[in-house]
């Protein structure tokens, strides 16, 4: 069975949905091709924790029956992947951890919406233990690798989802973002990744006290907007934003690293790429101004929420003794921070909104690096103590997490490769409920950059 190049994952979600709707291809054909790519790539990329070979083909056959009956739906018959921290009925939700987890009995709300829209879930993707790190490696599954250069990480914690999309296994995937976990892997694999406004997509009992949201990963802004529309239940609002000109905006360029009490430095290669992105936005008619957001000590409000979430998730793990020692240490710290420190962290959020949000009295959008460095090599963080791991990962990724504290939206856009071909990214950040503005700017940039035309040398 051969699927034409026009209907491969590199054609995108919307293109696949169109080909299915007009009968140019069947869902069984597309899903078979996606499963073949998933299984063939697994020994190298290791993007998936679970692949649904039989179940996905059964779902695809049902999608073909629905299509034959004249039914229409935004993703009807399109192969898709989800991160293994959201429930999919019939499979366990291990969130990167070892052990024999119970099978989920119901779909998470976002997954249910994807399936109602017709998406065929081909599998659940790898994530580090409890989503703690910007690299997707762990004793439960090994290392997930970057399709552009398998010696490097795709990032994390939505690294499996990013690898699956960047490799052309699927055209879109769902990730989650608690400290940059959609935006970081999007940056390091050349994708569009959207961290939506807190509450935009239901998170069904999220344990990280408002830090974590679900978000899409795709090759194009339009496809990411489509996933966001489906999972948020927003009709076509975000797809419409992707087709709408944003108008002339004041865009604030900032390379300032929020205070982290660790040694951090912006790699000159990343800074040059972000400044080049700013230049391209200026060429599109936007006014670029240098801005330095007043982050203050925002990091002090992040740790109680994140570590308490690790504590609560660790209580669900059936084989706690098999967890990474760094996870066990973080869970212990979460026990200490789960009282007054956690209450204070949530209580000061309105003040942080005013303080950091004051930047939006001067600009409409912020442009910052997504990460401070290019993607590290696989194994960079092996054998490090918890403290040294924290120092190393903050040095690589100090830019994304403040927007999780604020709960506001951000979009990673590809910012071009390094000299040796590794992807880099830049963040478009906005105030509360600014997704449509950010999506419009990202789509305008995509029209001239055409990052969706780039793909790794190896097609699985």
Protein backbone atom coordinates (compact mmCIF):
# COMPACT_ATOMS: atom_id res chain seq x y z
CA UNK A 1 0.00 0.00 0.00
CA UNK A 2 1.43 3.35 -1.06
CA UNK A 3 0.13 6.68 0.16
CA UNK A 4 0.80 9.59 -2.17
CA UNK A 5 3.27 12.24 -0.97
CA UNK A 6 0.49 14.83 -0.94
CA UNK A 7 -1.24 13.00 1.89
CA UNK A 8 1.72 12.26 4.14
CA UNK A 9 2.02 13.85 7.56
CA UNK A 10 4.29 16.55 6.13
CA UNK A 11 1.27 17.85 4.21
CA UNK A 12 -0.36 18.86 7.51
CA UNK A 13 -3.57 18.21 9.41
CA UNK A 14 -5.82 20.44 7.35
CA UNK A 15 -4.47 19.01 4.10
CA UNK A 16 -5.01 15.46 5.31
CA UNK A 17 -8.54 16.27 6.44
CA UNK A 18 -9.25 17.78 3.02
CA UNK A 19 -7.87 14.75 1.19
CA UNK A 20 -10.02 12.47 3.33
CA UNK A 21 -13.12 14.57 2.77
CA UNK A 22 -12.76 14.54 -1.02
CA UNK A 23 -11.99 10.82 -1.17
CA UNK A 24 -8.38 11.13 -2.34
CA UNK A 25 -7.24 8.85 0.46
CA UNK A 26 -8.81 6.77 3.21
CA UNK A 27 -8.25 6.99 6.92
CA UNK A 28 -7.08 3.37 6.94
CA UNK A 29 -4.39 4.29 4.39
CA UNK A 30 -3.25 7.34 6.34
CA UNK A 31 -3.32 5.51 9.65
CA UNK A 32 -1.47 2.50 8.27
CA UNK A 33 1.25 4.83 6.99
CA UNK A 34 1.45 6.63 10.34
CA UNK A 35 1.70 3.35 12.24
CA UNK A 36 4.41 2.12 9.88
CA UNK A 37 6.40 5.31 10.47
CA UNK A 38 5.85 5.11 14.22
CA UNK A 39 7.08 1.54 14.47
CA UNK A 40 9.95 2.01 12.01
CA UNK A 41 11.24 5.09 13.83
CA UNK A 42 10.86 3.69 17.33
CA UNK A 43 14.31 2.02 17.58
CA UNK A 44 15.97 5.37 16.86
CA UNK A 45 13.59 8.16 17.90
CA UNK A 46 11.64 6.34 20.64
CA UNK A 47 8.82 8.89 20.44
CA UNK A 48 6.05 6.62 21.72
CA UNK A 49 5.33 4.95 25.03
CA UNK A 50 2.35 3.11 23.52
CA UNK A 51 1.42 2.51 19.87
CA UNK A 52 -2.21 1.52 19.18
CA UNK A 53 -1.68 -0.64 16.09
CA UNK A 54 -4.95 -2.60 16.12
CA UNK A 55 -7.12 -0.05 17.92
CA UNK A 56 -6.05 2.81 15.66
CA UNK A 57 -6.84 0.82 12.52
CA UNK A 58 -10.26 -0.03 13.93
CA UNK A 59 -10.85 3.66 14.66
CA UNK A 60 -9.69 4.51 11.14
CA UNK A 61 -12.12 2.03 9.62
CA UNK A 62 -14.92 3.63 11.61
CA UNK A 63 -13.79 7.05 10.39
CA UNK A 64 -13.99 5.81 6.81
CA UNK A 65 -17.54 4.61 7.42
CA UNK A 66 -18.44 8.04 8.79
CA UNK A 67 -16.83 9.75 5.80
CA UNK A 68 -18.66 7.46 3.39
CA UNK A 69 -21.89 8.41 5.12
CA UNK A 70 -21.29 12.08 4.38
CA UNK A 71 -20.27 13.10 7.88
CA UNK A 72 -17.97 16.09 8.27
CA UNK A 73 -15.74 16.96 11.22
CA UNK A 74 -12.49 18.94 11.49
CA UNK A 75 -10.16 15.95 12.02
CA UNK A 76 -12.27 13.08 10.76
CA UNK A 77 -9.91 10.21 9.97
CA UNK A 78 -6.66 12.10 10.60
CA UNK A 79 -3.88 10.28 12.56
CA UNK A 80 -2.88 12.07 15.75
CA UNK A 81 -0.78 11.51 18.89
CA UNK A 82 -1.18 12.51 22.53
CA UNK A 83 1.27 12.89 25.38
CA UNK A 84 1.22 10.21 28.05
CA UNK A 85 0.02 12.53 30.81
CA UNK A 86 -3.57 12.65 29.57
CA UNK A 87 -6.04 9.81 29.86
CA UNK A 88 -7.01 7.71 26.88
CA UNK A 89 -9.54 5.00 27.68
CA UNK A 90 -8.03 1.55 27.41
CA UNK A 91 -4.41 2.57 28.09
CA UNK A 92 -2.53 3.47 31.28
CA UNK A 93 -1.37 7.02 31.96
CA UNK A 94 2.17 6.56 33.25
CA UNK A 95 3.45 10.13 32.78
CA UNK A 96 6.96 8.89 32.10
CA UNK A 97 7.14 6.71 35.20
CA UNK A 98 7.96 3.01 35.59
CA UNK A 99 5.44 0.59 37.02
CA UNK A 100 2.18 -1.17 36.23
CA UNK A 101 -0.35 1.67 36.05
CA UNK A 102 -4.09 0.98 35.87
CA UNK A 103 -5.83 1.38 32.55
CA UNK A 104 -7.79 4.60 32.15
CA UNK A 105 -11.52 3.96 31.97
CA UNK A 106 -12.50 7.25 30.32
CA UNK A 107 -10.93 9.76 27.96
CA UNK A 108 -9.69 13.10 29.28
CA UNK A 109 -11.94 15.94 28.14
CA UNK A 110 -9.42 17.18 25.56
CA UNK A 111 -8.97 13.66 24.18
CA UNK A 112 -12.73 13.16 24.02
CA UNK A 113 -13.01 16.35 22.01
CA UNK A 114 -10.27 15.22 19.63
CA UNK A 115 -12.02 11.91 19.09
CA UNK A 116 -15.39 13.57 18.58
CA UNK A 117 -13.71 15.71 15.92
CA UNK A 118 -12.65 12.46 14.27
CA UNK A 119 -8.96 12.23 15.19
CA UNK A 120 -7.49 8.73 15.11
CA UNK A 121 -5.14 8.40 18.08
CA UNK A 122 -2.18 6.29 16.94
CA UNK A 123 -0.40 6.32 20.28
CA UNK A 124 0.73 7.98 23.49
CA UNK A 125 4.07 9.76 23.41
CA UNK A 126 7.02 9.72 25.79
CA UNK A 127 7.60 12.28 28.51
CA UNK A 128 10.15 12.43 31.34
CA UNK A 129 9.01 11.46 34.80
CA UNK A 130 6.11 13.72 35.78
CA UNK A 131 7.13 16.21 33.10
CA UNK A 132 9.88 17.69 35.25
CA UNK A 133 12.69 18.23 32.74
CA UNK A 134 13.33 19.80 29.32
CA UNK A 135 14.70 16.49 28.03
CA UNK A 136 12.71 13.33 27.37
CA UNK A 137 14.76 10.59 28.95
CA UNK A 138 14.10 8.19 31.81
CA UNK A 139 14.56 4.67 33.18
CA UNK A 140 11.03 3.64 32.18
CA UNK A 141 11.55 4.07 28.42
CA UNK A 142 15.09 5.21 27.61
CA UNK A 143 15.81 8.34 25.58
CA UNK A 144 13.64 10.05 23.00
CA UNK A 145 15.71 11.63 20.25
CA UNK A 146 15.51 14.60 17.93
CA UNK A 147 14.53 13.76 14.31
CA UNK A 148 16.82 16.50 13.02
CA UNK A 149 19.87 15.01 14.73
CA UNK A 150 19.25 11.86 16.81
CA UNK A 151 22.27 12.57 18.95
CA UNK A 152 20.37 15.49 20.48
CA UNK A 153 17.27 15.76 22.64
CA UNK A 154 13.96 16.98 21.18
CA UNK A 155 13.41 18.76 24.48
CA UNK A 156 10.74 18.12 27.03
CA UNK A 157 8.60 17.41 28.60
CA UNK A 158 6.43 17.01 25.47
CA UNK A 159 9.45 15.61 23.65
CA UNK A 160 7.74 12.50 22.32
CA UNK A 161 4.91 14.50 20.81
CA UNK A 162 7.35 16.96 19.24
CA UNK A 163 9.54 14.18 17.84
CA UNK A 164 6.51 12.43 16.34
CA UNK A 165 5.37 15.58 14.52
CA UNK A 166 8.82 16.74 13.44
CA UNK A 167 9.59 13.28 12.02
CA UNK A 168 6.40 13.24 9.96
CA UNK A 169 4.88 10.33 11.87
CA UNK A 170 1.77 12.41 12.54
CA UNK A 171 0.89 15.94 11.49
CA UNK A 172 -0.20 17.10 14.93
CA UNK A 173 -0.01 16.10 18.56
CA UNK A 174 -1.17 17.19 21.98
CA UNK A 175 1.38 18.16 24.60
CA UNK A 176 1.30 19.86 27.97
CA UNK A 177 3.17 22.91 29.22
CA UNK A 178 3.96 23.47 32.90
CA UNK A 179 7.27 25.31 32.52
CA UNK A 180 7.67 25.50 28.75
CA UNK A 181 7.00 21.84 28.03
CA UNK A 182 5.24 22.55 24.71
CA UNK A 183 7.28 25.58 23.67
CA UNK A 184 10.75 24.16 24.43
CA UNK A 185 10.40 20.97 22.36
CA UNK A 186 8.69 22.98 19.63
CA UNK A 187 11.73 25.25 19.54
CA UNK A 188 14.22 22.38 19.43
CA UNK A 189 12.35 20.44 16.71
CA UNK A 190 11.28 23.30 14.41
CA UNK A 191 7.57 23.31 15.21
CA UNK A 192 4.80 25.68 16.19
CA UNK A 193 3.81 25.10 19.81
CA UNK A 194 1.02 26.96 21.57
CA UNK A 195 0.74 27.38 25.32
CA UNK A 196 -2.84 28.64 25.64
CA UNK A 197 -4.38 30.76 28.35
CA UNK A 198 -4.88 28.89 31.61
CA UNK A 199 -8.34 27.32 31.57
CA UNK A 200 -8.68 27.47 27.78
CA UNK A 201 -8.47 23.67 27.47
CA UNK A 202 -9.84 21.56 30.35
CA UNK A 203 -7.06 19.84 32.30
CA UNK A 204 -9.24 17.50 34.39
CA UNK A 205 -7.79 17.85 37.88
CA UNK A 206 -4.34 19.22 37.00
CA UNK A 207 -2.12 18.80 40.06
CA UNK A 208 0.43 21.56 39.51
CA UNK A 209 -1.76 24.34 40.91
CA UNK A 210 -2.43 26.14 37.67
CA UNK A 211 1.02 25.90 36.09
CA UNK A 212 0.18 23.23 33.53
CA UNK A 213 -2.00 23.62 30.46
CA UNK A 214 -2.52 21.38 27.45
CA UNK A 215 -1.40 22.67 24.08
CA UNK A 216 -0.88 21.75 20.41
CA UNK A 217 2.25 20.93 18.46
CA UNK A 218 2.16 21.14 14.67
CA UNK A 219 4.23 22.17 11.66
CA UNK A 220 2.01 25.16 10.80
CA UNK A 221 0.21 27.86 12.71
CA UNK A 222 -3.07 26.93 11.03
CA UNK A 223 -2.79 23.30 12.12
CA UNK A 224 -1.89 24.30 15.68
CA UNK A 225 -4.88 26.66 15.69
CA UNK A 226 -7.10 23.83 14.45
CA UNK A 227 -6.01 21.60 17.36
CA UNK A 228 -6.59 24.48 19.77
CA UNK A 229 -10.08 25.11 18.40
CA UNK A 230 -11.00 21.44 18.76
CA UNK A 231 -9.60 20.91 22.26
CA UNK A 232 -10.83 24.26 23.59
CA UNK A 233 -14.28 23.86 22.05
CA UNK A 234 -13.92 27.32 20.50
CA UNK A 235 -15.51 26.69 17.11
CA UNK A 236 -13.21 28.25 14.51
CA UNK A 237 -11.98 31.29 16.46
CA UNK A 238 -8.30 30.41 16.40
CA UNK A 239 -8.29 29.19 12.82
CA UNK A 240 -9.87 32.50 11.85
CA UNK A 241 -7.09 34.31 13.72
CA UNK A 242 -4.50 32.38 11.70
CA UNK A 243 -6.07 33.77 8.51
CA UNK A 244 -6.39 37.34 9.80
CA UNK A 245 -3.80 40.11 9.47
CA UNK A 246 -2.72 41.31 12.92
CA UNK A 247 -2.35 44.96 11.92
CA UNK A 248 0.72 47.02 12.77
CA UNK A 249 1.81 46.18 16.32
CA UNK A 250 4.45 47.33 18.79
CA UNK A 251 6.51 44.24 19.53
CA UNK A 252 8.79 44.33 22.52
CA UNK A 253 12.08 42.48 22.07
CA UNK A 254 13.52 41.17 25.33
CA UNK A 255 16.48 38.92 25.96
CA UNK A 256 16.47 39.50 29.73
CA UNK A 257 16.65 36.29 31.74
CA UNK A 258 14.34 36.20 34.77
CA UNK A 259 16.14 35.88 38.10
CA UNK A 260 16.78 32.21 38.89
CA UNK A 261 19.67 32.27 41.41
CA UNK A 262 21.68 30.12 38.98
CA UNK A 263 24.27 30.90 36.34
CA UNK A 264 22.51 31.54 33.05
CA UNK A 265 23.70 33.01 29.78
CA UNK A 266 22.04 33.48 26.42
CA UNK A 267 23.95 31.65 23.71
CA UNK A 268 24.99 34.18 21.03
CA UNK A 269 23.68 31.85 18.31
CA UNK A 270 20.22 31.90 19.88
CA UNK A 271 20.31 35.66 20.42
CA UNK A 272 21.24 36.23 16.78
CA UNK A 273 18.35 34.03 15.63
CA UNK A 274 15.83 35.87 17.81
CA UNK A 275 17.08 39.26 16.69
CA UNK A 276 16.82 38.10 13.09
CA UNK A 277 13.21 37.13 13.79
CA UNK A 278 12.63 40.62 15.17
CA UNK A 279 14.07 42.05 11.97
CA UNK A 280 11.67 40.00 9.89
CA UNK A 281 8.74 41.21 11.97
CA UNK A 282 9.95 44.76 11.42
CA UNK A 283 10.03 44.11 7.68
CA UNK A 284 6.40 43.05 7.94
CA UNK A 285 5.58 46.51 9.27
CA UNK A 286 5.70 46.06 13.02
CA UNK A 287 7.52 48.44 15.34
CA UNK A 288 10.23 46.67 17.34
CA UNK A 289 11.22 48.21 20.66
CA UNK A 290 13.59 46.96 23.35
CA UNK A 291 11.69 46.06 26.54
CA UNK A 292 12.78 44.59 29.85
CA UNK A 293 9.83 43.05 31.73
CA UNK A 294 9.97 43.48 35.50
CA UNK A 295 10.03 39.81 36.48
CA UNK A 296 11.10 40.43 40.07
CA UNK A 297 11.36 37.23 42.12
CA UNK A 298 8.70 35.36 40.15
CA UNK A 299 10.67 32.14 40.57
CA UNK A 300 9.84 31.99 44.26
CA UNK A 301 6.19 31.46 43.35
CA UNK A 302 6.96 28.71 40.84
CA UNK A 303 8.68 26.12 43.02
CA UNK A 304 5.95 25.54 45.64
CA UNK A 305 3.42 24.89 42.89
CA UNK A 306 5.64 22.65 40.77
CA UNK A 307 7.14 20.61 43.61
CA UNK A 308 3.80 20.11 45.34
CA UNK A 309 2.51 18.79 42.03
CA UNK A 310 5.40 16.34 41.84
CA UNK A 311 4.57 15.21 45.37
CA UNK A 312 0.91 14.64 44.51
CA UNK A 313 1.64 12.84 41.25
CA UNK A 314 4.30 10.66 42.91
CA UNK A 315 1.64 9.39 45.31
CA UNK A 316 -0.12 7.81 42.32
CA UNK A 317 2.93 5.89 41.11
CA UNK A 318 2.72 2.12 41.75
CA UNK A 319 6.50 1.68 41.87
CA UNK A 320 7.73 4.75 43.73
CA UNK A 321 11.03 3.11 44.67
CA UNK A 322 11.85 2.77 40.96
CA UNK A 323 11.52 6.50 40.30
CA UNK A 324 14.56 8.58 39.43
CA UNK A 325 16.23 9.74 42.67
CA UNK A 326 15.73 13.33 41.48
CA UNK A 327 11.98 12.73 41.32
CA UNK A 328 11.92 11.32 44.81
CA UNK A 329 13.90 14.31 46.07
CA UNK A 330 11.52 16.75 44.39
CA UNK A 331 8.53 14.96 45.87
CA UNK A 332 10.12 15.27 49.33
CA UNK A 333 10.62 19.00 48.82
CA UNK A 334 7.00 19.23 47.73
CA UNK A 335 5.94 17.84 51.09
CA UNK A 336 7.73 20.75 52.77
CA UNK A 337 6.27 23.41 50.45
CA UNK A 338 2.67 22.24 50.32
CA UNK A 339 1.39 24.46 53.13
CA UNK A 340 1.86 28.17 53.67
CA UNK A 341 4.43 28.52 50.86
CA UNK A 342 1.94 27.16 48.34
CA UNK A 343 -0.82 29.45 49.59
CA UNK A 344 1.46 32.46 49.37
CA UNK A 345 2.56 31.51 45.85
CA UNK A 346 -1.02 31.58 44.64
CA UNK A 347 -1.89 34.70 46.62
CA UNK A 348 0.78 36.87 44.99
CA UNK A 349 -0.25 36.01 41.43
CA UNK A 350 -2.41 39.16 40.95
CA UNK A 351 0.55 41.33 41.96
CA UNK A 352 2.72 39.53 39.42
CA UNK A 353 0.09 40.13 36.75
CA UNK A 354 0.30 43.86 37.44
CA UNK A 355 4.09 43.97 37.72
CA UNK A 356 5.05 41.88 34.69
CA UNK A 357 1.96 42.86 32.75
CA UNK A 358 2.93 46.51 32.92
CA UNK A 359 5.08 45.79 29.86
CA UNK A 360 1.88 45.51 27.84
CA UNK A 361 1.16 49.14 28.54
CA UNK A 362 4.05 49.83 26.16
CA UNK A 363 3.84 46.96 23.66
CA UNK A 364 1.24 44.62 22.21
CA UNK A 365 3.38 41.46 22.08
CA UNK A 366 6.66 40.35 23.64
CA UNK A 367 9.31 38.54 21.61
CA UNK A 368 11.87 36.54 23.61
CA UNK A 369 14.05 33.50 23.12
CA UNK A 370 12.26 30.25 23.85
CA UNK A 371 15.46 28.66 25.15
CA UNK A 372 18.91 30.03 25.97
CA UNK A 373 20.79 27.30 24.10
CA UNK A 374 20.42 24.96 21.13
CA UNK A 375 19.24 21.39 21.91
CA UNK A 376 21.69 19.57 24.22
CA UNK A 377 23.06 16.15 23.38
CA UNK A 378 21.18 13.10 24.60
CA UNK A 379 22.62 12.04 27.94
CA UNK A 380 23.77 15.53 28.95
CA UNK A 381 21.84 15.30 32.21
CA UNK A 382 22.68 11.67 33.03
CA UNK A 383 24.10 11.06 36.48
CA UNK A 384 23.65 14.60 37.73
CA UNK A 385 22.39 15.29 41.21
CA UNK A 386 19.05 17.00 41.58
CA UNK A 387 20.71 20.37 42.24
CA UNK A 388 23.08 20.07 39.29
CA UNK A 389 20.19 18.98 37.06
CA UNK A 390 18.22 22.04 38.10
CA UNK A 391 21.17 24.30 37.39
CA UNK A 392 21.81 22.76 33.98
CA UNK A 393 18.21 22.79 32.82
CA UNK A 394 17.59 26.35 34.03
CA UNK A 395 20.72 27.45 32.18
CA UNK A 396 19.31 25.90 29.00
CA UNK A 397 15.67 26.94 29.48
CA UNK A 398 15.23 30.07 31.65
CA UNK A 399 12.71 31.91 29.47
CA UNK A 400 9.48 29.93 29.29
CA UNK A 401 8.30 29.21 32.84
CA UNK A 402 7.23 32.73 34.00
CA UNK A 403 4.27 32.56 31.62
CA UNK A 404 3.11 29.41 33.41
CA UNK A 405 3.07 31.31 36.69
CA UNK A 406 1.06 34.09 35.04
CA UNK A 407 -1.24 31.68 33.20
CA UNK A 408 -0.97 33.74 30.01
CA UNK A 409 -0.53 32.51 26.42
CA UNK A 410 2.63 32.07 24.38
CA UNK A 411 3.50 30.68 20.97
CA UNK A 412 6.83 29.23 19.89
CA UNK A 413 7.78 29.94 16.30
CA UNK A 414 10.79 28.41 14.54
CA UNK A 415 13.72 30.85 14.42
CA UNK A 416 15.93 29.04 11.98
CA UNK A 417 18.59 26.38 12.43
CA UNK A 418 22.09 26.58 13.83
CA UNK A 419 25.01 26.27 11.42
CA UNK A 420 24.93 22.50 11.89
CA UNK A 421 21.18 22.22 11.37
CA UNK A 422 19.68 22.12 14.85
CA UNK A 423 16.37 24.00 15.21
CA UNK A 424 15.95 27.10 17.38
CA UNK A 425 12.84 28.97 18.47
CA UNK A 426 11.47 32.32 19.59
CA UNK A 427 8.47 33.03 21.80
CA UNK A 428 5.62 35.40 21.05
CA UNK A 429 4.12 36.20 24.46
CA UNK A 430 0.96 38.06 25.31
CA UNK A 431 -1.20 39.24 28.18
CA UNK A 432 -4.30 37.44 29.38
CA UNK A 433 -6.42 35.81 26.64
CA UNK A 434 -4.21 37.09 23.80
CA UNK A 435 -4.01 33.86 21.81
CA UNK A 436 -5.71 35.26 18.73
CA UNK A 437 -3.26 38.15 18.45
CA UNK A 438 -0.26 35.86 18.90
CA UNK A 439 -1.59 33.37 16.36
CA UNK A 440 -2.16 36.13 13.79
CA UNK A 441 1.40 37.40 14.18
CA UNK A 442 2.83 33.88 14.02
CA UNK A 443 0.85 33.11 10.86
CA UNK A 444 2.02 36.31 9.22
CA UNK A 445 5.63 35.39 9.99
CA UNK A 446 5.08 31.87 8.68
CA UNK A 447 4.00 33.22 5.30
CA UNK A 448 7.46 34.67 4.72
CA UNK A 449 9.54 32.13 6.61
CA UNK A 450 7.89 28.95 5.23
CA UNK A 451 9.32 26.83 8.06
CA UNK A 452 6.76 24.13 7.27
CA UNK A 453 8.68 23.38 4.08
CA UNK A 454 11.71 22.21 6.07
CA UNK A 455 11.90 18.60 7.17
CA UNK A 456 14.53 16.22 8.56
CA UNK A 457 16.69 14.36 6.09
CA UNK A 458 15.35 10.96 7.17
CA UNK A 459 11.68 10.32 6.39
CA UNK A 460 10.57 7.36 8.45
